[in-house]
N, C-alpha and C. Protein backbone atom coordinates (compact mmCIF):
# COMPACT_ATOMS: atom_id res chain seq x y z
N MET A 1 -19.75 -22.90 17.31
CA MET A 1 -18.75 -22.40 16.02
C MET A 1 -17.51 -21.80 16.84
N GLY A 2 -16.56 -21.84 15.87
CA GLY A 2 -15.22 -21.07 16.17
C GLY A 2 -14.96 -19.69 16.32
N GLU A 3 -14.14 -19.29 16.67
CA GLU A 3 -13.83 -17.85 17.16
C GLU A 3 -13.62 -17.22 15.50
N THR A 4 -14.29 -16.06 15.21
CA THR A 4 -13.82 -15.13 14.32
C THR A 4 -12.61 -14.50 14.01
N ARG A 5 -12.09 -14.65 12.55
CA ARG A 5 -10.64 -14.37 12.64
C ARG A 5 -10.72 -13.17 11.51
N ARG A 6 -9.89 -12.44 11.77
CA ARG A 6 -9.66 -11.19 10.86
C ARG A 6 -8.52 -11.09 9.92
N LEU A 7 -9.03 -10.91 8.71
CA LEU A 7 -7.95 -10.71 7.68
C LEU A 7 -8.21 -9.40 6.70
N PHE A 8 -7.07 -8.80 6.87
CA PHE A 8 -7.27 -7.24 6.09
C PHE A 8 -6.06 -7.63 5.10
N LEU A 9 -6.53 -7.06 3.68
CA LEU A 9 -5.89 -7.22 2.40
C LEU A 9 -5.22 -5.70 2.30
N VAL A 10 -3.87 -5.59 2.23
CA VAL A 10 -3.94 -4.17 1.75
C VAL A 10 -3.27 -3.93 0.42
N ASP A 11 -3.67 -2.95 -0.23
CA ASP A 11 -3.51 -2.68 -1.78
C ASP A 11 -1.89 -2.06 -1.51
N GLY A 12 -1.06 -2.82 -1.86
CA GLY A 12 0.35 -2.20 -1.85
C GLY A 12 0.85 -1.08 -2.77
N TYR A 13 0.50 -1.34 -3.69
CA TYR A 13 0.67 -0.12 -4.89
C TYR A 13 -0.04 1.28 -4.46
N ALA A 14 -1.35 1.21 -3.91
CA ALA A 14 -2.00 2.52 -3.54
C ALA A 14 -1.31 3.02 -2.19
N LEU A 15 -0.99 1.98 -1.45
CA LEU A 15 -0.25 2.61 -0.08
C LEU A 15 0.98 3.30 -0.32
N ILE A 16 2.16 2.77 -1.25
CA ILE A 16 3.08 3.35 -1.81
C ILE A 16 3.17 4.55 -2.40
N TYR A 17 1.94 4.52 -3.02
CA TYR A 17 1.90 5.88 -4.08
C TYR A 17 1.21 6.99 -2.84
N ARG A 18 0.45 6.70 -1.93
CA ARG A 18 -0.16 7.47 -1.01
C ARG A 18 1.13 7.93 -0.09
N ALA A 19 1.72 7.04 0.17
CA ALA A 19 2.84 7.33 1.01
C ALA A 19 3.94 8.21 0.55
N PHE A 20 4.15 8.25 -0.75
CA PHE A 20 4.75 9.12 -1.48
C PHE A 20 4.46 10.60 -1.61
N PHE A 21 3.54 10.56 -2.21
CA PHE A 21 2.65 12.00 -2.39
C PHE A 21 2.25 12.38 -1.28
N ALA A 22 1.91 11.53 -0.17
CA ALA A 22 1.37 12.50 0.94
C ALA A 22 2.47 13.64 1.77
N MET A 23 3.77 13.08 1.36
CA MET A 23 4.85 14.03 2.13
C MET A 23 5.54 14.46 1.07
N LEU A 24 5.46 14.71 0.11
CA LEU A 24 6.03 14.96 -0.92
C LEU A 24 6.63 16.35 -0.72
N SER A 25 5.85 17.29 -0.18
CA SER A 25 6.38 18.79 -0.02
C SER A 25 7.61 19.02 0.90
N ARG A 26 7.42 17.88 2.12
CA ARG A 26 8.06 17.82 3.17
C ARG A 26 8.72 16.27 3.48
N PRO A 27 9.54 15.62 2.60
CA PRO A 27 9.72 14.31 2.86
C PRO A 27 10.73 14.20 3.98
N LEU A 28 10.41 12.91 4.51
CA LEU A 28 11.50 12.67 5.52
C LEU A 28 12.69 11.74 4.75
N THR A 29 13.77 12.17 5.22
CA THR A 29 15.11 12.09 4.88
C THR A 29 16.19 11.45 5.99
N THR A 30 17.00 10.72 5.21
CA THR A 30 18.07 10.19 6.18
C THR A 30 19.02 11.45 6.23
N SER A 31 20.34 11.31 6.90
CA SER A 31 21.55 12.32 7.16
C SER A 31 22.11 12.40 5.71
N ARG A 32 21.93 11.38 4.76
CA ARG A 32 22.50 11.43 3.65
C ARG A 32 21.51 11.63 2.67
N GLY A 33 20.65 12.38 2.88
CA GLY A 33 19.19 12.95 1.62
C GLY A 33 18.27 11.76 0.91
N GLU A 34 18.27 10.69 1.44
CA GLU A 34 17.63 9.65 0.87
C GLU A 34 16.20 9.56 1.59
N ASN A 35 15.40 9.71 0.53
CA ASN A 35 14.15 9.57 0.95
C ASN A 35 13.47 8.50 1.58
N THR A 36 12.74 8.64 2.83
CA THR A 36 12.35 7.54 3.60
C THR A 36 10.85 7.55 3.67
N SER A 37 10.06 8.56 3.11
CA SER A 37 8.81 8.43 3.51
C SER A 37 8.09 7.65 2.95
N VAL A 38 8.29 6.77 2.05
CA VAL A 38 7.82 5.50 1.68
C VAL A 38 7.61 4.70 2.72
N PRO A 39 8.65 4.03 3.24
CA PRO A 39 8.76 2.88 4.22
C PRO A 39 8.54 3.27 5.56
N TRP A 40 8.71 4.98 5.82
CA TRP A 40 7.98 5.56 7.02
C TRP A 40 6.31 5.42 7.06
N GLY A 41 5.98 5.85 6.09
CA GLY A 41 4.35 5.49 5.46
C GLY A 41 3.66 4.52 5.70
N ILE A 42 4.68 3.14 5.22
CA ILE A 42 3.98 2.30 5.21
C ILE A 42 4.03 1.30 6.50
N VAL A 43 5.21 1.63 7.45
CA VAL A 43 5.07 0.97 8.72
C VAL A 43 4.17 1.74 9.57
N ASN A 44 3.95 3.06 9.53
CA ASN A 44 3.15 3.68 10.07
C ASN A 44 1.54 3.33 9.84
N PHE A 45 1.08 2.92 8.63
CA PHE A 45 0.13 2.52 8.49
C PHE A 45 -0.27 0.98 8.92
N LEU A 46 0.70 0.32 9.03
CA LEU A 46 0.38 -1.23 9.62
C LEU A 46 0.43 -1.18 11.23
N LEU A 47 1.15 -0.09 11.74
CA LEU A 47 0.96 0.00 13.19
C LEU A 47 -0.46 0.49 13.75
N ARG A 48 -0.57 1.38 12.86
CA ARG A 48 -2.12 1.66 13.19
C ARG A 48 -3.35 1.11 12.94
N LEU A 49 -2.89 0.26 11.94
CA LEU A 49 -3.98 -1.11 11.32
C LEU A 49 -3.96 -2.18 12.59
N ARG A 50 -2.86 -2.18 12.88
CA ARG A 50 -2.51 -3.35 14.11
C ARG A 50 -3.10 -2.81 15.40
N GLY A 51 -3.05 -1.83 15.53
CA GLY A 51 -3.54 -1.17 17.07
C GLY A 51 -4.89 -0.90 17.09
N LYS A 52 -5.67 -0.23 15.90
CA LYS A 52 -7.12 0.10 15.91
C LYS A 52 -7.95 -1.27 15.55
N HIS A 53 -7.58 -1.79 14.75
CA HIS A 53 -8.36 -3.14 14.22
C HIS A 53 -8.07 -4.58 14.72
N HIS A 54 -6.69 -4.65 15.42
CA HIS A 54 -6.04 -6.17 15.79
C HIS A 54 -6.40 -7.46 14.97
N PRO A 55 -5.63 -7.11 13.44
CA PRO A 55 -6.04 -8.31 12.58
C PRO A 55 -5.40 -9.43 12.94
N ASP A 56 -5.88 -10.60 12.99
CA ASP A 56 -5.15 -11.86 13.14
C ASP A 56 -4.17 -12.12 11.86
N PHE A 57 -4.64 -11.75 10.63
CA PHE A 57 -3.94 -11.87 9.39
C PHE A 57 -3.72 -10.50 8.61
N VAL A 58 -2.37 -10.27 7.79
CA VAL A 58 -2.56 -9.06 6.98
C VAL A 58 -1.91 -9.62 5.63
N ALA A 59 -2.24 -9.29 4.41
CA ALA A 59 -1.79 -9.84 3.35
C ALA A 59 -1.71 -8.40 2.46
N TRP A 60 -0.48 -8.42 1.84
CA TRP A 60 0.22 -7.36 1.46
C TRP A 60 -0.25 -7.77 -0.35
N VAL A 61 -1.19 -7.09 -1.13
CA VAL A 61 -1.22 -7.40 -2.52
C VAL A 61 -0.99 -6.47 -3.40
N HIS A 62 -0.77 -6.87 -4.74
CA HIS A 62 -0.44 -6.04 -5.87
C HIS A 62 -1.13 -6.33 -7.06
N ASP A 63 -1.51 -5.67 -7.92
CA ASP A 63 -1.64 -5.84 -9.30
C ASP A 63 -1.37 -7.15 -9.94
N ALA A 64 -1.97 -7.79 -10.51
CA ALA A 64 -1.06 -9.04 -11.29
C ALA A 64 -0.32 -8.49 -12.41
N GLY A 65 -0.49 -7.16 -12.75
CA GLY A 65 0.14 -6.94 -13.98
C GLY A 65 -0.89 -7.05 -15.34
N THR A 66 -0.45 -6.88 -16.41
CA THR A 66 -1.34 -6.99 -17.30
C THR A 66 -2.51 -8.27 -17.51
N SER A 67 -3.70 -8.14 -18.25
CA SER A 67 -4.53 -9.07 -18.23
C SER A 67 -5.26 -9.20 -19.33
N PHE A 68 -6.14 -9.85 -19.56
CA PHE A 68 -7.04 -9.97 -21.07
C PHE A 68 -7.71 -8.32 -21.11
N ARG A 69 -7.88 -7.80 -20.17
CA ARG A 69 -8.56 -6.45 -20.23
C ARG A 69 -7.68 -5.41 -21.17
N HIS A 70 -6.46 -5.74 -20.79
CA HIS A 70 -5.21 -4.76 -21.35
C HIS A 70 -5.44 -5.33 -23.08
N THR A 71 -5.27 -6.71 -23.31
CA THR A 71 -5.36 -7.07 -24.60
C THR A 71 -6.70 -6.82 -25.19
N THR A 72 -7.43 -6.76 -24.77
CA THR A 72 -8.84 -6.38 -25.50
C THR A 72 -9.14 -4.97 -25.62
N TYR A 73 -8.78 -3.93 -24.46
CA TYR A 73 -8.83 -2.62 -24.59
C TYR A 73 -7.41 -2.00 -24.24
N PRO A 74 -6.92 -1.64 -24.98
CA PRO A 74 -5.38 -1.30 -24.73
C PRO A 74 -5.47 0.24 -23.65
N GLU A 75 -6.73 0.95 -23.82
CA GLU A 75 -6.76 2.23 -22.95
C GLU A 75 -6.77 1.79 -21.37
N TYR A 76 -7.22 0.55 -21.29
CA TYR A 76 -7.55 0.32 -19.89
C TYR A 76 -6.69 0.49 -18.83
N LYS A 77 -7.15 1.55 -18.10
CA LYS A 77 -5.81 2.11 -16.92
C LYS A 77 -4.74 2.43 -17.54
N ALA A 78 -5.11 3.23 -18.47
CA ALA A 78 -3.93 3.86 -19.57
C ALA A 78 -3.64 4.89 -18.73
N THR A 79 -4.49 5.96 -17.76
CA THR A 79 -3.88 6.85 -17.37
C THR A 79 -3.33 6.80 -15.81
N ARG A 80 -3.39 5.58 -15.55
CA ARG A 80 -3.01 5.09 -14.22
C ARG A 80 -1.60 4.64 -14.08
């Protein structure tokens, strides 16, 4: 049997949300005042993932948008 390979799926929207709000009280900014907390948080997460788990593949995924659930039940994810 061949070597086992590891795939990690990253919930992109959840990571962006987490990176933004984790540093909301003290955001990282450039000299021009641009908030760089989200890119820093994403890169930091991916580097830690690579260092700890050594994945062969990493896939960045997002919700596909609206689906039949939104049509059938308009309140679906209404508060998210």
